[in-house]
Amino acid sequence: MSSQAAAIPKSVETVKKLIPLFNRILVKRADPPKESKGGIVLPDNSKTKILRATVIAVGPGTRTERGEQLPMCVKPGDEVLLPDYSGTKVQLDESETYFMFRESEILAKFE
């Protein structure tokens, strides 16, 4: 193993092995702010649901009735806007939680 491979956290290696199928997208939600803009530390129960996420992995896309592959609108690394109540929670290890969405559920992409 090279020194670069040894430096990669195990959770990142696990995520790299997870490939979404069809038009599904694996995302990691942005962390909620730990303190307010004024510097007040926020308790865990007052944190709001974060609707912004980073795309981690994408599937190959759907196929038309003719069998043609439709390309995905997002790629790994893109910042996207998520709906309030949707997606499937994916727990790959104890420390990281990811969410799986269909491409049609993603509301927008940030530029």
Protein backbone atom coordinates (compact mmCIF):
# COMPACT_ATOMS: atom_id res chain seq x y z
CA MET A 1 0.00 0.00 0.00
CA SER A 2 1.24 3.45 -0.82
CA SER A 3 1.45 6.19 1.78
CA GLN A 4 -1.42 8.05 0.05
CA ALA A 5 -3.74 5.07 0.35
CA ALA A 6 -2.85 4.66 4.02
CA ALA A 7 -3.83 8.30 4.69
CA ILE A 8 -7.39 7.87 3.33
CA PRO A 9 -9.91 7.31 6.14
CA LYS A 10 -11.66 3.96 6.10
CA SER A 11 -15.13 5.56 5.77
CA VAL A 12 -14.07 7.24 2.50
CA GLU A 13 -12.86 3.91 1.13
CA THR A 14 -16.20 2.32 2.05
CA VAL A 15 -18.15 5.07 0.30
CA LYS A 16 -16.01 4.67 -2.83
CA LYS A 17 -17.12 1.03 -2.99
CA LEU A 18 -20.81 2.00 -2.87
CA ILE A 19 -22.10 2.71 -6.37
CA PRO A 20 -25.74 3.86 -6.64
CA LEU A 21 -27.86 2.11 -9.25
CA PHE A 22 -29.83 3.72 -12.07
CA ASN A 23 -30.74 7.36 -11.31
CA ARG A 24 -29.84 7.36 -7.62
CA ILE A 25 -27.51 9.83 -5.93
CA LEU A 26 -25.60 9.39 -2.66
CA VAL A 27 -25.17 12.65 -0.72
CA LYS A 28 -23.72 13.84 2.57
CA ARG A 29 -25.72 16.58 4.25
CA ALA A 30 -23.86 19.71 5.32
CA ASP A 31 -23.17 19.88 9.05
CA PRO A 32 -25.52 22.16 11.00
CA PRO A 33 -23.91 25.25 12.51
CA LYS A 34 -22.59 24.68 16.05
CA GLU A 35 -22.92 28.33 17.04
CA SER A 36 -24.93 31.33 15.95
CA LYS A 37 -23.51 34.23 13.97
CA GLY A 38 -23.17 36.09 17.27
CA GLY A 39 -21.04 33.29 18.76
CA ILE A 40 -23.69 31.63 20.97
CA VAL A 41 -23.25 27.85 21.16
CA LEU A 42 -26.40 26.10 19.90
CA PRO A 43 -27.74 23.00 21.70
CA ASP A 44 -28.25 19.85 19.60
CA ASN A 45 -32.05 19.94 19.87
CA SER A 46 -32.32 23.47 18.42
CA LYS A 47 -30.42 22.72 15.22
CA THR A 48 -32.55 22.83 12.08
CA LYS A 49 -32.58 20.29 9.30
CA ILE A 50 -29.96 21.14 6.70
CA LEU A 51 -31.23 21.01 3.12
CA ARG A 52 -27.85 21.50 1.47
CA ALA A 53 -25.67 18.50 0.63
CA THR A 54 -22.60 17.42 -1.30
CA VAL A 55 -22.93 14.69 -3.93
CA ILE A 56 -20.66 11.75 -3.06
CA ALA A 57 -21.56 9.25 -5.80
CA VAL A 58 -24.02 8.98 -8.70
CA GLY A 59 -25.47 6.07 -10.60
CA PRO A 60 -25.11 5.65 -14.36
CA GLY A 61 -28.55 7.15 -15.08
CA THR A 62 -31.83 5.77 -16.35
CA ARG A 63 -32.52 4.23 -19.72
CA THR A 64 -35.18 5.20 -22.21
CA GLU A 65 -37.61 2.68 -23.69
CA ARG A 66 -35.17 2.34 -26.60
CA GLY A 67 -32.36 1.47 -24.20
CA GLU A 68 -30.46 4.74 -24.55
CA GLN A 69 -28.65 5.95 -21.44
CA LEU A 70 -29.80 9.33 -20.10
CA PRO A 71 -26.91 11.23 -18.46
CA MET A 72 -27.16 12.41 -14.87
CA CYS A 73 -27.55 16.15 -14.15
CA VAL A 74 -25.16 16.10 -11.17
CA LYS A 75 -21.70 14.69 -10.55
CA PRO A 76 -19.67 13.92 -7.42
CA GLY A 77 -18.61 17.12 -5.67
CA ASP A 78 -21.67 19.16 -6.69
CA GLU A 79 -23.61 21.05 -4.01
CA VAL A 80 -27.35 20.37 -4.20
CA LEU A 81 -30.59 21.49 -2.53
CA LEU A 82 -32.63 18.67 -0.98
CA PRO A 83 -36.36 18.41 -0.23
CA ASP A 84 -37.57 18.47 3.40
CA TYR A 85 -38.85 14.90 3.65
CA SER A 86 -37.32 12.47 1.22
CA GLY A 87 -34.36 10.20 0.71
CA THR A 88 -33.17 7.02 2.35
CA LYS A 89 -30.74 7.13 5.26
CA VAL A 90 -27.57 5.09 4.63
CA GLN A 91 -25.35 4.33 7.64
CA LEU A 92 -22.06 2.88 6.36
CA ASP A 93 -20.26 3.07 9.68
CA GLU A 94 -20.91 4.56 13.11
CA SER A 95 -19.42 7.97 12.35
CA GLU A 96 -20.89 8.94 8.95
CA THR A 97 -24.49 9.14 7.74
CA TYR A 98 -25.34 9.53 4.08
CA PHE A 99 -28.63 9.82 2.20
CA MET A 100 -29.74 8.25 -1.09
CA PHE A 101 -32.05 10.22 -3.40
CA ARG A 102 -33.44 9.71 -6.88
CA GLU A 103 -32.25 12.31 -9.36
CA SER A 104 -35.82 13.60 -9.77
CA GLU A 105 -36.03 14.35 -6.00
CA ILE A 106 -33.09 16.78 -6.07
CA LEU A 107 -34.49 20.32 -6.17
CA ALA A 108 -31.53 22.35 -7.45
CA LYS A 109 -27.78 22.48 -7.95
CA PHE A 110 -25.63 25.31 -6.57
CA GLU A 111 -23.03 26.87 -8.87
